Amino acid sequence: MIKLVNKIVNGESISPVFPEETKNYMIDIDGTICDDIPNEEPERMIDAKCFPDALEILNKWYDQGHVITFFTSRTEDHRQVTEKWLTIHGFKYHGLLMGKPRGGNYHWVDNHIVRATRFEGKFTDLIDKELKIQVFEK
């Protein structure tokens, strides 16, 4: 079990966070770890092709102590088939969040650090790279 660290800012408790070395991965399903299947064709979900590199890397991250949560645009109606598919293929994970908004172009606004990594066809270990990002003006 991964322990959260309690934080105090300006003398007041704030939401606990994971230790800095623990990453909290939010992973999409369709088109990221398997074939991209729309919600309108749920009969195809159980037979979706698994991307082996995704299975290998995500299970490695899980085994290293990171948190793996799948965050998908599939609806609650698809939870059972999704959990079955993840089990059949051997994915290790901590949580499954259904109902992510569809359409892409996501902008996640949060009071915690958020790092976004666009999946472009192959899972590998992550590397450090400096890029231009959008931030709130101070």
C-alpha atoms as a PDB file:
ATOM      1  CA  MET A   1       0.000   0.000   0.000  1.00  0.00           C
ATOM      2  CA  ILE A   2       1.375   3.400  -0.968  1.00  0.00           C
ATOM      3  CA  LYS A   3       1.463   5.973   1.800  1.00  0.00           C
ATOM      4  CA  LEU A   4       0.346   9.537   1.260  1.00  0.00           C
ATOM      5  CA  VAL A   5       2.350  12.353   2.821  1.00  0.00           C
ATOM      6  CA  ASN A   6       0.456  14.944   4.856  1.00  0.00           C
ATOM      7  CA  LYS A   7       1.310  18.530   3.946  1.00  0.00           C
ATOM      8  CA  ILE A   8       1.089  21.755   5.928  1.00  0.00           C
ATOM      9  CA  VAL A   9       1.090  25.085   4.058  1.00  0.00           C
ATOM     10  CA  ASN A  10       0.934  28.384   5.940  1.00  0.00           C
ATOM     11  CA  GLY A  11       0.100  26.458   9.106  1.00  0.00           C
ATOM     12  CA  GLU A  12      -2.900  24.641   7.582  1.00  0.00           C
ATOM     13  CA  SER A  13      -3.303  21.067   6.404  1.00  0.00           C
ATOM     14  CA  ILE A  14      -3.838  20.544   2.689  1.00  0.00           C
ATOM     15  CA  SER A  15      -4.709  17.399   0.741  1.00  0.00           C
ATOM     16  CA  PRO A  16      -2.072  14.688   1.206  1.00  0.00           C
ATOM     17  CA  VAL A  17       0.195  13.778  -1.701  1.00  0.00           C
ATOM     18  CA  PHE A  18       2.310  10.815  -2.753  1.00  0.00           C
ATOM     19  CA  PRO A  19       6.020  10.954  -1.997  1.00  0.00           C
ATOM     20  CA  GLU A  20       7.948  12.681  -4.802  1.00  0.00           C
ATOM     21  CA  GLU A  21       9.383   9.397  -6.090  1.00  0.00           C
ATOM     22  CA  THR A  22       5.900   7.869  -6.532  1.00  0.00           C
ATOM     23  CA  LYS A  23       4.141   8.697  -9.767  1.00  0.00           C
ATOM     24  CA  ASN A  24       0.353   8.634 -10.029  1.00  0.00           C
ATOM     25  CA  TYR A  25      -0.277   7.502 -13.619  1.00  0.00           C
ATOM     26  CA  MET A  26      -3.657   8.147 -15.257  1.00  0.00           C
ATOM     27  CA  ILE A  27      -3.794   5.935 -18.351  1.00  0.00           C
ATOM     28  CA  ASP A  28      -6.338   6.032 -21.158  1.00  0.00           C
ATOM     29  CA  ILE A  29      -7.512   2.693 -22.569  1.00  0.00           C
ATOM     30  CA  ASP A  30      -8.823   2.913 -26.153  1.00  0.00           C
ATOM     31  CA  GLY A  31      -6.047   3.715 -28.595  1.00  0.00           C
ATOM     32  CA  THR A  32      -3.479   3.780 -25.777  1.00  0.00           C
ATOM     33  CA  ILE A  33      -3.252   0.252 -24.366  1.00  0.00           C
ATOM     34  CA  CYS A  34      -5.415  -1.455 -27.008  1.00  0.00           C
ATOM     35  CA  ASP A  35      -7.304  -0.924 -30.257  1.00  0.00           C
ATOM     36  CA  ASP A  36      -9.326   2.292 -30.329  1.00  0.00           C
ATOM     37  CA  ILE A  37     -12.941   1.148 -29.972  1.00  0.00           C
ATOM     38  CA  PRO A  38     -15.799   3.661 -29.719  1.00  0.00           C
ATOM     39  CA  ASN A  39     -18.442   3.338 -27.002  1.00  0.00           C
ATOM     40  CA  GLU A  40     -21.012   2.798 -29.729  1.00  0.00           C
ATOM     41  CA  GLU A  41     -19.436  -0.608 -30.539  1.00  0.00           C
ATOM     42  CA  PRO A  42     -19.101  -2.293 -27.105  1.00  0.00           C
ATOM     43  CA  GLU A  43     -19.342  -5.777 -28.617  1.00  0.00           C
ATOM     44  CA  ARG A  44     -15.761  -5.262 -29.920  1.00  0.00           C
ATOM     45  CA  MET A  45     -14.274  -4.335 -26.513  1.00  0.00           C
ATOM     46  CA  ILE A  46     -13.659  -7.872 -25.223  1.00  0.00           C
ATOM     47  CA  ASP A  47     -11.655  -8.767 -28.357  1.00  0.00           C
ATOM     48  CA  ALA A  48      -9.600  -5.561 -28.529  1.00  0.00           C
ATOM     49  CA  LYS A  49      -5.954  -6.170 -29.429  1.00  0.00           C
ATOM     50  CA  CYS A  50      -3.687  -5.512 -26.444  1.00  0.00           C
ATOM     51  CA  PHE A  51      -0.564  -3.433 -27.092  1.00  0.00           C
ATOM     52  CA  PRO A  52       2.193  -5.638 -25.553  1.00  0.00           C
ATOM     53  CA  ASP A  53       4.535  -2.718 -24.876  1.00  0.00           C
ATOM     54  CA  ALA A  54       1.783  -1.049 -22.820  1.00  0.00           C
ATOM     55  CA  LEU A  55       1.291  -4.187 -20.728  1.00  0.00           C
ATOM     56  CA  GLU A  56       5.036  -4.555 -20.136  1.00  0.00           C
ATOM     57  CA  ILE A  57       5.702  -0.912 -19.183  1.00  0.00           C
ATOM     58  CA  LEU A  58       2.577  -0.382 -17.067  1.00  0.00           C
ATOM     59  CA  ASN A  59       3.108  -3.591 -15.096  1.00  0.00           C
ATOM     60  CA  LYS A  60       6.753  -2.583 -14.579  1.00  0.00           C
ATOM     61  CA  TRP A  61       5.673   0.812 -13.232  1.00  0.00           C
ATOM     62  CA  TYR A  62       3.137  -0.913 -10.961  1.00  0.00           C
ATOM     63  CA  ASP A  63       5.841  -3.281  -9.674  1.00  0.00           C
ATOM     64  CA  GLN A  64       8.128  -0.271  -9.039  1.00  0.00           C
ATOM     65  CA  GLY A  65       5.503   1.103  -6.650  1.00  0.00           C
ATOM     66  CA  HIS A  66       3.788   3.672  -8.849  1.00  0.00           C
ATOM     67  CA  VAL A  67       0.006   4.046  -8.917  1.00  0.00           C
ATOM     68  CA  ILE A  68      -1.766   2.938 -12.099  1.00  0.00           C
ATOM     69  CA  THR A  69      -5.309   4.173 -12.667  1.00  0.00           C
ATOM     70  CA  PHE A  70      -7.102   3.697 -15.950  1.00  0.00           C
ATOM     71  CA  PHE A  71      -9.159   6.768 -16.918  1.00  0.00           C
ATOM     72  CA  THR A  72     -11.406   6.051 -19.869  1.00  0.00           C
ATOM     73  CA  SER A  73     -14.209   7.576 -21.897  1.00  0.00           C
ATOM     74  CA  ARG A  74     -15.987   4.242 -21.679  1.00  0.00           C
ATOM     75  CA  THR A  75     -19.192   4.527 -19.671  1.00  0.00           C
ATOM     76  CA  GLU A  76     -20.240   2.662 -16.511  1.00  0.00           C
ATOM     77  CA  ASP A  77     -22.170   0.306 -18.814  1.00  0.00           C
ATOM     78  CA  HIS A  78     -18.758  -0.847 -20.098  1.00  0.00           C
ATOM     79  CA  ARG A  79     -17.124  -1.390 -16.673  1.00  0.00           C
ATOM     80  CA  GLN A  80     -17.637  -5.169 -16.514  1.00  0.00           C
ATOM     81  CA  VAL A  81     -16.248  -5.881 -20.004  1.00  0.00           C
ATOM     82  CA  THR A  82     -13.366  -3.461 -19.369  1.00  0.00           C
ATOM     83  CA  GLU A  83     -12.390  -5.099 -16.058  1.00  0.00           C
ATOM     84  CA  LYS A  84     -12.632  -8.541 -17.677  1.00  0.00           C
ATOM     85  CA  TRP A  85     -10.419  -7.429 -20.593  1.00  0.00           C
ATOM     86  CA  LEU A  86      -7.813  -5.948 -18.218  1.00  0.00           C
ATOM     87  CA  THR A  87      -7.781  -9.194 -16.201  1.00  0.00           C
ATOM     88  CA  ILE A  88      -7.547 -11.450 -19.271  1.00  0.00           C
ATOM     89  CA  HIS A  89      -4.510  -9.513 -20.479  1.00  0.00           C
ATOM     90  CA  GLY A  90      -2.822  -9.357 -17.079  1.00  0.00           C
ATOM     91  CA  PHE A  91      -2.787  -5.608 -16.408  1.00  0.00           C
ATOM     92  CA  LYS A  92      -1.945  -4.663 -12.822  1.00  0.00           C
ATOM     93  CA  TYR A  93      -3.703  -1.531 -11.659  1.00  0.00           C
ATOM     94  CA  HIS A  94      -5.111   0.285  -8.662  1.00  0.00           C
ATOM     95  CA  GLY A  95      -8.239   1.905 -10.075  1.00  0.00           C
ATOM     96  CA  LEU A  96     -10.547   2.307 -13.042  1.00  0.00           C
ATOM     97  CA  LEU A  97     -12.341   5.618 -13.629  1.00  0.00           C
ATOM     98  CA  MET A  98     -15.092   5.589 -16.224  1.00  0.00           C
ATOM     99  CA  GLY A  99     -16.716   8.507 -18.049  1.00  0.00           C
ATOM    100  CA  LYS A 100     -13.736  10.661 -19.049  1.00  0.00           C
ATOM    101  CA  PRO A 101     -15.042  13.406 -21.360  1.00  0.00           C
ATOM    102  CA  ARG A 102     -14.748  12.482 -25.024  1.00  0.00           C
ATOM    103  CA  GLY A 103     -13.153  14.591 -27.711  1.00  0.00           C
ATOM    104  CA  GLY A 104      -9.534  15.094 -26.713  1.00  0.00           C
ATOM    105  CA  ASN A 105      -7.774  18.482 -26.446  1.00  0.00           C
ATOM    106  CA  TYR A 106      -7.732  18.005 -22.678  1.00  0.00           C
ATOM    107  CA  HIS A 107      -6.636  20.801 -20.366  1.00  0.00           C
ATOM    108  CA  TRP A 108      -6.353  19.561 -16.802  1.00  0.00           C
ATOM    109  CA  VAL A 109      -6.452  22.324 -14.172  1.00  0.00           C
ATOM    110  CA  ASP A 110      -5.445  21.229 -10.681  1.00  0.00           C
ATOM    111  CA  ASN A 111      -3.733  22.555  -7.547  1.00  0.00           C
ATOM    112  CA  HIS A 112      -1.346  19.573  -7.707  1.00  0.00           C
ATOM    113  CA  ILE A 113       1.460  18.979 -10.201  1.00  0.00           C
ATOM    114  CA  VAL A 114       0.110  17.565 -13.457  1.00  0.00           C
ATOM    115  CA  ARG A 115       2.379  16.188 -16.158  1.00  0.00           C
ATOM    116  CA  ALA A 116       0.854  15.201 -19.455  1.00  0.00           C
ATOM    117  CA  THR A 117       2.394  12.730 -21.860  1.00  0.00           C
ATOM    118  CA  ARG A 118       0.816  12.250 -25.250  1.00  0.00           C
ATOM    119  CA  PHE A 119       0.785   8.631 -26.377  1.00  0.00           C
ATOM    120  CA  GLU A 120       2.081   8.356 -29.924  1.00  0.00           C
ATOM    121  CA  GLY A 121       1.945   4.655 -30.688  1.00  0.00           C
ATOM    122  CA  LYS A 122       4.469   2.921 -28.422  1.00  0.00           C
ATOM    123  CA  PHE A 123       5.013   2.602 -24.701  1.00  0.00           C
ATOM    124  CA  THR A 124       8.613   2.985 -23.543  1.00  0.00           C
ATOM    125  CA  ASP A 125      10.295   4.221 -20.409  1.00  0.00           C
ATOM    126  CA  LEU A 126       9.790   7.968 -20.065  1.00  0.00           C
ATOM    127  CA  ILE A 127      12.646  10.394 -20.688  1.00  0.00           C
ATOM    128  CA  ASP A 128      13.140  13.976 -19.496  1.00  0.00           C
ATOM    129  CA  LYS A 129      12.661  16.627 -22.161  1.00  0.00           C
ATOM    130  CA  GLU A 130      12.144  20.380 -21.966  1.00  0.00           C
ATOM    131  CA  LEU A 131       9.146  21.706 -23.883  1.00  0.00           C
ATOM    132  CA  LYS A 132       7.049  24.841 -24.026  1.00  0.00           C
ATOM    133  CA  ILE A 133       3.855  24.633 -21.940  1.00  0.00           C
ATOM    134  CA  GLN A 134       0.939  26.893 -21.102  1.00  0.00           C
ATOM    135  CA  VAL A 135       0.646  28.107 -17.490  1.00  0.00           C
ATOM    136  CA  PHE A 136      -1.502  30.589 -15.595  1.00  0.00           C
ATOM    137  CA  GLU A 137      -0.121  34.130 -15.541  1.00  0.00           C
ATOM    138  CA  LYS A 138       1.045  35.199 -12.059  1.00  0.00           C
END
